């Protein structure tokens, strides 16, 4: 027979497990949504962490960055095309030199480690 405290502890554990599982599903879905959106950015264009987040109806710019960092399919999902909202290059999981190399290969001009978003920016509708 379970005591009241044991029943409460069991229920609390079940609720906690459910919440954690839901968060993992949400996070996975968030990452996938970021990747699907990013696939729309054509070669020779860039977008920002902020533009991706805004298109997903959130202000979670860092979460977008984390999704890019965790991207395992860099050939399929072009996370090198995501930069800071001010034009700075931001980071890249394969190193900044590789990001620059990929962007230059796509004919994106980089001056002083910045990209002109007016010229190369891609903004979601």
C-alpha atoms as a PDB file:
ATOM      1  CA  UNK A   1       0.000   0.000   0.000  1.00  0.00           C
ATOM      2  CA  UNK A   2       1.301   3.447  -0.903  1.00  0.00           C
ATOM      3  CA  UNK A   3       1.267   6.296   1.534  1.00  0.00           C
ATOM      4  CA  UNK A   4      -0.028   9.723   0.511  1.00  0.00           C
ATOM      5  CA  UNK A   5       3.527  10.989   0.198  1.00  0.00           C
ATOM      6  CA  UNK A   6       4.530   8.052  -2.021  1.00  0.00           C
ATOM      7  CA  UNK A   7       1.510   8.582  -4.278  1.00  0.00           C
ATOM      8  CA  UNK A   8       2.338  12.273  -4.576  1.00  0.00           C
ATOM      9  CA  UNK A   9       5.975  11.465  -5.332  1.00  0.00           C
ATOM     10  CA  UNK A  10       4.926   8.983  -8.040  1.00  0.00           C
ATOM     11  CA  UNK A  11       2.535  11.504  -9.619  1.00  0.00           C
ATOM     12  CA  UNK A  12       5.153  14.245  -9.445  1.00  0.00           C
ATOM     13  CA  UNK A  13       7.674  11.979 -11.183  1.00  0.00           C
ATOM     14  CA  UNK A  14       5.168  11.133 -13.936  1.00  0.00           C
ATOM     15  CA  UNK A  15       4.350  14.806 -14.478  1.00  0.00           C
ATOM     16  CA  UNK A  16       8.036  15.707 -14.485  1.00  0.00           C
ATOM     17  CA  UNK A  17       8.819  12.935 -16.995  1.00  0.00           C
ATOM     18  CA  UNK A  18       5.945  14.105 -19.205  1.00  0.00           C
ATOM     19  CA  UNK A  19       7.160  17.710 -19.117  1.00  0.00           C
ATOM     20  CA  UNK A  20      10.741  16.711 -19.937  1.00  0.00           C
ATOM     21  CA  UNK A  21       9.590  14.537 -22.829  1.00  0.00           C
ATOM     22  CA  UNK A  22       7.380  17.352 -24.134  1.00  0.00           C
ATOM     23  CA  UNK A  23      10.273  19.819 -23.948  1.00  0.00           C
ATOM     24  CA  UNK A  24      12.523  17.459 -25.904  1.00  0.00           C
ATOM     25  CA  UNK A  25       9.850  17.064 -28.580  1.00  0.00           C
ATOM     26  CA  UNK A  26       9.315  20.840 -28.714  1.00  0.00           C
ATOM     27  CA  UNK A  27      13.054  21.466 -28.953  1.00  0.00           C
ATOM     28  CA  UNK A  28      13.437  18.895 -31.713  1.00  0.00           C
ATOM     29  CA  UNK A  29      10.514  20.408 -33.571  1.00  0.00           C
ATOM     30  CA  UNK A  30      11.979  23.895 -33.096  1.00  0.00           C
ATOM     31  CA  UNK A  31      15.317  22.814 -34.554  1.00  0.00           C
ATOM     32  CA  UNK A  32      13.593  21.104 -37.473  1.00  0.00           C
ATOM     33  CA  UNK A  33      11.485  24.196 -38.130  1.00  0.00           C
ATOM     34  CA  UNK A  34      14.670  26.313 -38.158  1.00  0.00           C
ATOM     35  CA  UNK A  35      16.281  23.943 -40.653  1.00  0.00           C
ATOM     36  CA  UNK A  36      13.257  23.852 -42.953  1.00  0.00           C
ATOM     37  CA  UNK A  37      13.082  27.625 -42.993  1.00  0.00           C
ATOM     38  CA  UNK A  38      16.807  27.967 -43.612  1.00  0.00           C
ATOM     39  CA  UNK A  39      16.578  25.699 -46.658  1.00  0.00           C
ATOM     40  CA  UNK A  40      14.603  28.516 -48.335  1.00  0.00           C
ATOM     41  CA  UNK A  41      17.640  30.834 -48.303  1.00  0.00           C
ATOM     42  CA  UNK A  42      19.219  30.627 -51.774  1.00  0.00           C
ATOM     43  CA  UNK A  43      22.926  30.506 -52.552  1.00  0.00           C
ATOM     44  CA  UNK A  44      24.398  33.986 -52.571  1.00  0.00           C
ATOM     45  CA  UNK A  45      22.042  35.229 -49.850  1.00  0.00           C
ATOM     46  CA  UNK A  46      22.210  35.255 -46.056  1.00  0.00           C
ATOM     47  CA  UNK A  47      19.725  35.647 -43.268  1.00  0.00           C
ATOM     48  CA  UNK A  48      20.049  36.427 -39.578  1.00  0.00           C
ATOM     49  CA  UNK A  49      19.370  34.517 -36.389  1.00  0.00           C
ATOM     50  CA  UNK A  50      16.805  37.216 -35.622  1.00  0.00           C
ATOM     51  CA  UNK A  51      15.044  36.850 -38.991  1.00  0.00           C
ATOM     52  CA  UNK A  52      14.778  33.080 -38.500  1.00  0.00           C
ATOM     53  CA  UNK A  53      13.458  33.497 -34.958  1.00  0.00           C
ATOM     54  CA  UNK A  54      10.974  36.179 -35.996  1.00  0.00           C
ATOM     55  CA  UNK A  55       9.680  33.960 -38.793  1.00  0.00           C
ATOM     56  CA  UNK A  56       9.104  31.269 -36.180  1.00  0.00           C
ATOM     57  CA  UNK A  57       7.136  33.766 -34.045  1.00  0.00           C
ATOM     58  CA  UNK A  58       9.701  33.885 -31.266  1.00  0.00           C
ATOM     59  CA  UNK A  59      12.505  36.066 -29.917  1.00  0.00           C
ATOM     60  CA  UNK A  60      14.663  33.015 -29.219  1.00  0.00           C
ATOM     61  CA  UNK A  61      17.646  34.116 -31.321  1.00  0.00           C
ATOM     62  CA  UNK A  62      20.054  32.075 -29.214  1.00  0.00           C
ATOM     63  CA  UNK A  63      17.912  28.971 -29.626  1.00  0.00           C
ATOM     64  CA  UNK A  64      18.206  29.457 -33.382  1.00  0.00           C
ATOM     65  CA  UNK A  65      21.978  29.700 -32.959  1.00  0.00           C
ATOM     66  CA  UNK A  66      21.990  26.508 -30.902  1.00  0.00           C
ATOM     67  CA  UNK A  67      19.980  24.742 -33.597  1.00  0.00           C
ATOM     68  CA  UNK A  68      22.525  25.853 -36.203  1.00  0.00           C
ATOM     69  CA  UNK A  69      25.394  24.676 -34.002  1.00  0.00           C
ATOM     70  CA  UNK A  70      23.808  21.221 -33.644  1.00  0.00           C
ATOM     71  CA  UNK A  71      23.159  20.822 -37.366  1.00  0.00           C
ATOM     72  CA  UNK A  72      24.574  17.462 -38.454  1.00  0.00           C
ATOM     73  CA  UNK A  73      23.627  17.864 -42.138  1.00  0.00           C
ATOM     74  CA  UNK A  74      25.719  20.863 -43.151  1.00  0.00           C
ATOM     75  CA  UNK A  75      25.625  19.926 -46.846  1.00  0.00           C
ATOM     76  CA  UNK A  76      21.825  19.865 -46.807  1.00  0.00           C
ATOM     77  CA  UNK A  77      21.102  22.639 -44.290  1.00  0.00           C
ATOM     78  CA  UNK A  78      23.203  25.731 -45.093  1.00  0.00           C
ATOM     79  CA  UNK A  79      23.757  27.156 -41.625  1.00  0.00           C
ATOM     80  CA  UNK A  80      26.776  29.086 -42.958  1.00  0.00           C
ATOM     81  CA  UNK A  81      24.172  31.459 -44.435  1.00  0.00           C
ATOM     82  CA  UNK A  82      23.050  32.646 -40.997  1.00  0.00           C
ATOM     83  CA  UNK A  83      24.719  35.766 -39.613  1.00  0.00           C
ATOM     84  CA  UNK A  84      24.127  38.337 -36.901  1.00  0.00           C
ATOM     85  CA  UNK A  85      21.451  40.957 -37.461  1.00  0.00           C
ATOM     86  CA  UNK A  86      24.101  43.700 -37.678  1.00  0.00           C
ATOM     87  CA  UNK A  87      25.908  41.967 -40.547  1.00  0.00           C
ATOM     88  CA  UNK A  88      28.651  40.389 -38.436  1.00  0.00           C
ATOM     89  CA  UNK A  89      29.441  36.834 -39.444  1.00  0.00           C
ATOM     90  CA  UNK A  90      28.565  35.198 -36.128  1.00  0.00           C
ATOM     91  CA  UNK A  91      29.810  31.684 -35.534  1.00  0.00           C
ATOM     92  CA  UNK A  92      29.987  28.440 -37.437  1.00  0.00           C
ATOM     93  CA  UNK A  93      30.382  24.911 -36.143  1.00  0.00           C
ATOM     94  CA  UNK A  94      33.181  24.208 -38.657  1.00  0.00           C
ATOM     95  CA  UNK A  95      35.031  27.420 -37.874  1.00  0.00           C
ATOM     96  CA  UNK A  96      34.777  30.976 -39.111  1.00  0.00           C
ATOM     97  CA  UNK A  97      37.378  30.453 -41.865  1.00  0.00           C
ATOM     98  CA  UNK A  98      35.220  27.714 -43.375  1.00  0.00           C
ATOM     99  CA  UNK A  99      32.124  29.913 -43.127  1.00  0.00           C
ATOM    100  CA  UNK A 100      33.920  32.697 -44.998  1.00  0.00           C
ATOM    101  CA  UNK A 101      35.160  30.239 -47.612  1.00  0.00           C
ATOM    102  CA  UNK A 102      31.644  28.890 -48.233  1.00  0.00           C
ATOM    103  CA  UNK A 103      30.089  32.356 -48.431  1.00  0.00           C
ATOM    104  CA  UNK A 104      32.761  33.619 -50.827  1.00  0.00           C
ATOM    105  CA  UNK A 105      32.220  30.537 -52.989  1.00  0.00           C
ATOM    106  CA  UNK A 106      28.569  31.641 -53.206  1.00  0.00           C
ATOM    107  CA  UNK A 107      29.733  35.135 -54.290  1.00  0.00           C
ATOM    108  CA  UNK A 108      28.799  36.858 -51.013  1.00  0.00           C
ATOM    109  CA  UNK A 109      31.056  39.875 -50.385  1.00  0.00           C
ATOM    110  CA  UNK A 110      32.593  40.090 -46.939  1.00  0.00           C
ATOM    111  CA  UNK A 111      34.207  43.360 -45.851  1.00  0.00           C
ATOM    112  CA  UNK A 112      35.767  43.667 -42.395  1.00  0.00           C
ATOM    113  CA  UNK A 113      34.040  40.427 -41.355  1.00  0.00           C
ATOM    114  CA  UNK A 114      30.648  41.935 -42.221  1.00  0.00           C
ATOM    115  CA  UNK A 115      28.053  41.312 -44.902  1.00  0.00           C
ATOM    116  CA  UNK A 116      25.790  43.998 -46.325  1.00  0.00           C
ATOM    117  CA  UNK A 117      22.302  42.735 -45.498  1.00  0.00           C
ATOM    118  CA  UNK A 118      20.727  45.264 -47.866  1.00  0.00           C
ATOM    119  CA  UNK A 119      22.565  43.612 -50.738  1.00  0.00           C
ATOM    120  CA  UNK A 120      22.759  39.970 -49.622  1.00  0.00           C
ATOM    121  CA  UNK A 121      19.996  39.659 -47.055  1.00  0.00           C
ATOM    122  CA  UNK A 122      17.152  37.195 -47.474  1.00  0.00           C
ATOM    123  CA  UNK A 123      14.036  38.045 -45.529  1.00  0.00           C
ATOM    124  CA  UNK A 124      11.172  35.634 -45.036  1.00  0.00           C
ATOM    125  CA  UNK A 125       7.646  36.533 -46.055  1.00  0.00           C
END
